C-alpha atoms as a PDB file:
ATOM      1  CA  MET A   1      -2.264 -81.970  22.279  1.00  0.00           C
ATOM      2  CA  SER A   2      -2.014 -82.225  18.558  1.00  0.00           C
ATOM      3  CA  TYR A   3       0.512 -83.308  16.009  1.00  0.00           C
ATOM      4  CA  SER A   4       0.882 -83.308  12.256  1.00  0.00           C
ATOM      5  CA  PHE A   5       3.303 -84.485   9.612  1.00  0.00           C
ATOM      6  CA  THR A   6       5.046 -82.846   6.690  1.00  0.00           C
ATOM      7  CA  SER A   7       4.018 -84.439   3.380  1.00  0.00           C
ATOM      8  CA  GLN A   8       7.278 -86.413   3.097  1.00  0.00           C
ATOM      9  CA  CYS A   9       7.038 -87.655   6.649  1.00  0.00           C
ATOM     10  CA  GLN A  10       3.367 -88.595   6.173  1.00  0.00           C
ATOM     11  CA  SER A  11       4.164 -90.983   3.311  1.00  0.00           C
ATOM     12  CA  GLU A  12       7.112 -92.495   5.221  1.00  0.00           C
ATOM     13  CA  CYS A  13       4.962 -92.925   8.300  1.00  0.00           C
ATOM     14  CA  LYS A  14       2.266 -94.827   6.378  1.00  0.00           C
ATOM     15  CA  LYS A  15       4.878 -97.351   5.237  1.00  0.00           C
ATOM     16  CA  LEU A  16       6.328 -97.668   8.731  1.00  0.00           C
ATOM     17  CA  ILE A  17       2.893 -98.192  10.318  1.00  0.00           C
ATOM     18  CA  LYS A  18       2.354-101.210   8.068  1.00  0.00           C
ATOM     19  CA  LYS A  19       5.667-102.626   9.265  1.00  0.00           C
ATOM     20  CA  PHE A  20       5.373-101.629  12.951  1.00  0.00           C
ATOM     21  CA  ARG A  21       1.788-101.999  14.173  1.00  0.00           C
ATOM     22  CA  SER A  22       2.331-100.140  17.449  1.00  0.00           C
ATOM     23  CA  LEU A  23       3.744 -97.007  15.799  1.00  0.00           C
ATOM     24  CA  GLU A  24       0.554 -94.906  15.887  1.00  0.00           C
ATOM     25  CA  LEU A  25       0.137 -95.479  19.612  1.00  0.00           C
ATOM     26  CA  ASP A  26       3.863 -94.912  20.170  1.00  0.00           C
ATOM     27  CA  ILE A  27       3.638 -91.538  18.395  1.00  0.00           C
ATOM     28  CA  GLU A  28       0.729 -90.471  20.600  1.00  0.00           C
ATOM     29  CA  ARG A  29       2.626 -91.523  23.737  1.00  0.00           C
ATOM     30  CA  PHE A  30       5.700 -89.636  22.542  1.00  0.00           C
ATOM     31  CA  CYS A  31       3.677 -86.442  21.986  1.00  0.00           C
ATOM     32  CA  LYS A  32       2.013 -86.638  25.400  1.00  0.00           C
ATOM     33  CA  PHE A  33       5.334 -87.292  27.128  1.00  0.00           C
ATOM     34  CA  THR A  34       7.086 -84.476  25.251  1.00  0.00           C
ATOM     35  CA  LEU A  35       4.385 -81.922  26.065  1.00  0.00           C
ATOM     36  CA  LYS A  36       4.339 -83.007  29.723  1.00  0.00           C
ATOM     37  CA  LEU A  37       8.129 -82.734  29.875  1.00  0.00           C
ATOM     38  CA  GLU A  38       7.886 -79.253  28.416  1.00  0.00           C
ATOM     39  CA  GLU A  39       5.285 -78.166  30.967  1.00  0.00           C
ATOM     40  CA  ASP A  40       7.180 -79.633  33.932  1.00  0.00           C
ATOM     41  CA  ASN A  41      10.767 -78.702  33.108  1.00  0.00           C
ATOM     42  CA  GLY A  42      10.553 -75.720  30.796  1.00  0.00           C
ATOM     43  CA  PHE A  43      11.750 -78.023  28.048  1.00  0.00           C
ATOM     44  CA  PRO A  44      14.228 -78.302  26.444  1.00  0.00           C
ATOM     45  CA  GLY A  45      16.095 -79.043  29.602  1.00  0.00           C
ATOM     46  CA  THR A  46      18.860 -81.453  30.325  1.00  0.00           C
ATOM     47  CA  ASN A  47      17.361 -84.597  28.855  1.00  0.00           C
ATOM     48  CA  LYS A  48      19.595 -87.084  27.046  1.00  0.00           C
ATOM     49  CA  ASN A  49      16.797 -88.171  24.696  1.00  0.00           C
ATOM     50  CA  TYR A  50      16.204 -84.721  23.167  1.00  0.00           C
ATOM     51  CA  THR A  51      18.626 -82.541  21.209  1.00  0.00           C
ATOM     52  CA  LEU A  52      18.005 -79.091  19.793  1.00  0.00           C
ATOM     53  CA  LEU A  53      19.167 -79.231  16.165  1.00  0.00           C
ATOM     54  CA  LYS A  54      18.250 -75.774  14.950  1.00  0.00           C
ATOM     55  CA  ALA A  55      16.355 -72.705  16.082  1.00  0.00           C
ATOM     56  CA  GLN A  56      15.190 -70.023  13.706  1.00  0.00           C
ATOM     57  CA  GLY A  57      12.878 -67.253  14.831  1.00  0.00           C
ATOM     58  CA  ASP A  58      10.069 -68.821  16.840  1.00  0.00           C
ATOM     59  CA  VAL A  59      10.584 -72.299  15.307  1.00  0.00           C
ATOM     60  CA  SER A  60      12.812 -74.882  16.983  1.00  0.00           C
ATOM     61  CA  VAL A  61      13.741 -78.244  15.450  1.00  0.00           C
ATOM     62  CA  TYR A  62      14.558 -81.138  17.763  1.00  0.00           C
ATOM     63  CA  LYS A  63      15.891 -84.655  17.384  1.00  0.00           C
ATOM     64  CA  ALA A  64      14.534 -87.175  19.872  1.00  0.00           C
ATOM     65  CA  LYS A  65      14.605 -90.879  20.612  1.00  0.00           C
ATOM     66  CA  MET A  66      11.158 -92.442  20.557  1.00  0.00           C
ATOM     67  CA  PRO A  67      10.638 -95.939  21.969  1.00  0.00           C
ATOM     68  CA  CYS A  68       8.621 -98.347  19.842  1.00  0.00           C
ATOM     69  CA  THR A  69       6.776-101.253  21.428  1.00  0.00           C
ATOM     70  CA  THR A  70       7.226-103.426  18.333  1.00  0.00           C
ATOM     71  CA  LEU A  71      10.978-102.795  18.112  1.00  0.00           C
ATOM     72  CA  ARG A  72      11.557-103.608  21.777  1.00  0.00           C
ATOM     73  CA  GLY A  73      15.200-102.581  22.400  1.00  0.00           C
ATOM     74  CA  ASN A  74      15.589-100.242  19.425  1.00  0.00           C
ATOM     75  CA  LYS A  75      14.203 -96.752  19.140  1.00  0.00           C
ATOM     76  CA  PHE A  76      12.991 -94.520  16.365  1.00  0.00           C
ATOM     77  CA  ARG A  77      14.647 -91.181  15.782  1.00  0.00           C
ATOM     78  CA  VAL A  78      12.164 -88.359  15.435  1.00  0.00           C
ATOM     79  CA  ILE A  79      12.922 -84.975  13.920  1.00  0.00           C
ATOM     80  CA  TYR A  80      10.172 -82.551  14.825  1.00  0.00           C
ATOM     81  CA  ALA A  81       9.456 -78.841  14.944  1.00  0.00           C
ATOM     82  CA  ARG A  82       7.844 -76.755  17.658  1.00  0.00           C
ATOM     83  CA  HIS A  83       6.518 -73.249  17.193  1.00  0.00           C
ATOM     84  CA  GLU A  84       6.613 -71.036  20.284  1.00  0.00           C
ATOM     85  CA  ASP A  85       3.031 -69.866  19.824  1.00  0.00           C
ATOM     86  CA  SER A  86       1.584 -73.366  19.296  1.00  0.00           C
ATOM     87  CA  ILE A  87       1.257 -76.608  21.242  1.00  0.00           C
ATOM     88  CA  GLU A  88       1.426 -78.650  18.044  1.00  0.00           C
ATOM     89  CA  ILE A  89       4.304 -81.005  17.244  1.00  0.00           C
ATOM     90  CA  ILE A  90       5.141 -81.166  13.532  1.00  0.00           C
ATOM     91  CA  PHE A  91       6.984 -84.313  12.501  1.00  0.00           C
ATOM     92  CA  ILE A  92       9.610 -83.669   9.819  1.00  0.00           C
ATOM     93  CA  GLU A  93      11.315 -87.062   9.732  1.00  0.00           C
ATOM     94  CA  LEU A  94      10.902 -90.443  11.396  1.00  0.00           C
ATOM     95  CA  TYR A  95      13.472 -93.215  10.989  1.00  0.00           C
ATOM     96  CA  ILE A  96      15.039 -96.220  12.663  1.00  0.00           C
ATOM     97  CA  LYS A  97      18.619 -95.669  13.756  1.00  0.00           C
ATOM     98  CA  SER A  98      19.776 -98.993  12.280  1.00  0.00           C
ATOM     99  CA  GLU A  99      18.401 -98.060   8.828  1.00  0.00           C
ATOM    100  CA  SER A 100      19.499 -94.415   8.642  1.00  0.00           C
ATOM    101  CA  HIS A 101      22.371 -93.028  10.675  1.00  0.00           C
ATOM    102  CA  ARG A 102      21.771 -89.290  10.252  1.00  0.00           C
ATOM    103  CA  GLU A 103      18.872 -86.920   9.908  1.00  0.00           C
ATOM    104  CA  ASP A 104      18.201 -85.324   6.525  1.00  0.00           C
ATOM    105  CA  LYS A 105      19.553 -81.794   6.993  1.00  0.00           C
ATOM    106  CA  GLN A 106      18.133 -80.669   3.647  1.00  0.00           C
ATOM    107  CA  ARG A 107      14.633 -81.641   4.738  1.00  0.00           C
ATOM    108  CA  ILE A 108      15.052 -79.624   7.939  1.00  0.00           C
ATOM    109  CA  ASN A 109      16.302 -76.595   6.010  1.00  0.00           C
ATOM    110  CA  ASP A 110      13.423 -76.912   3.516  1.00  0.00           C
ATOM    111  CA  TYR A 111      10.932 -76.900   6.392  1.00  0.00           C
ATOM    112  CA  LEU A 112      12.544 -73.873   8.045  1.00  0.00           C
ATOM    113  CA  SER A 113      12.740 -71.962   4.752  1.00  0.00           C
ATOM    114  CA  GLN A 114       8.925 -71.774   4.751  1.00  0.00           C
ATOM    115  CA  PHE A 115       9.133 -69.355   7.685  1.00  0.00           C
ATOM    116  CA  ASN A 116      11.624 -66.790   6.364  1.00  0.00           C
END
C-alpha cells in the first residue's frame, strides 16, 4: 500500500498536520481501509462514504469522507485518484467540510489533464 500527494495537496497537508496531530495516522488508516474495501467488494461499490467524481481513461477520481481522531465528530473530505494499473492512492485535495463546502473542480481537471 502506498500513497502520494500532488504538490498543492502536499503543502496543504503539512499545514493541516500541524493543526491536527492525528492526521498522518488517519491518512494511513484511510488508505488501508480503502484498499481493503476495494479488494473485498470490487470497489467502488455501494458505499455511502465514497463517490466517483470523474473517470477518464484508466484514472478515476473519488471523493471520500475520512474520519479524523482529533476532530472527533467531523470528517475530512478527501479527493483522490486511482489508476487501474497501480495500487497507489494519489491525494489531490484534503479539506474539512466546515471550512470548504465543495471540492476544487479545477484542481481535479488539472490533474486529469496530465494523462491526455
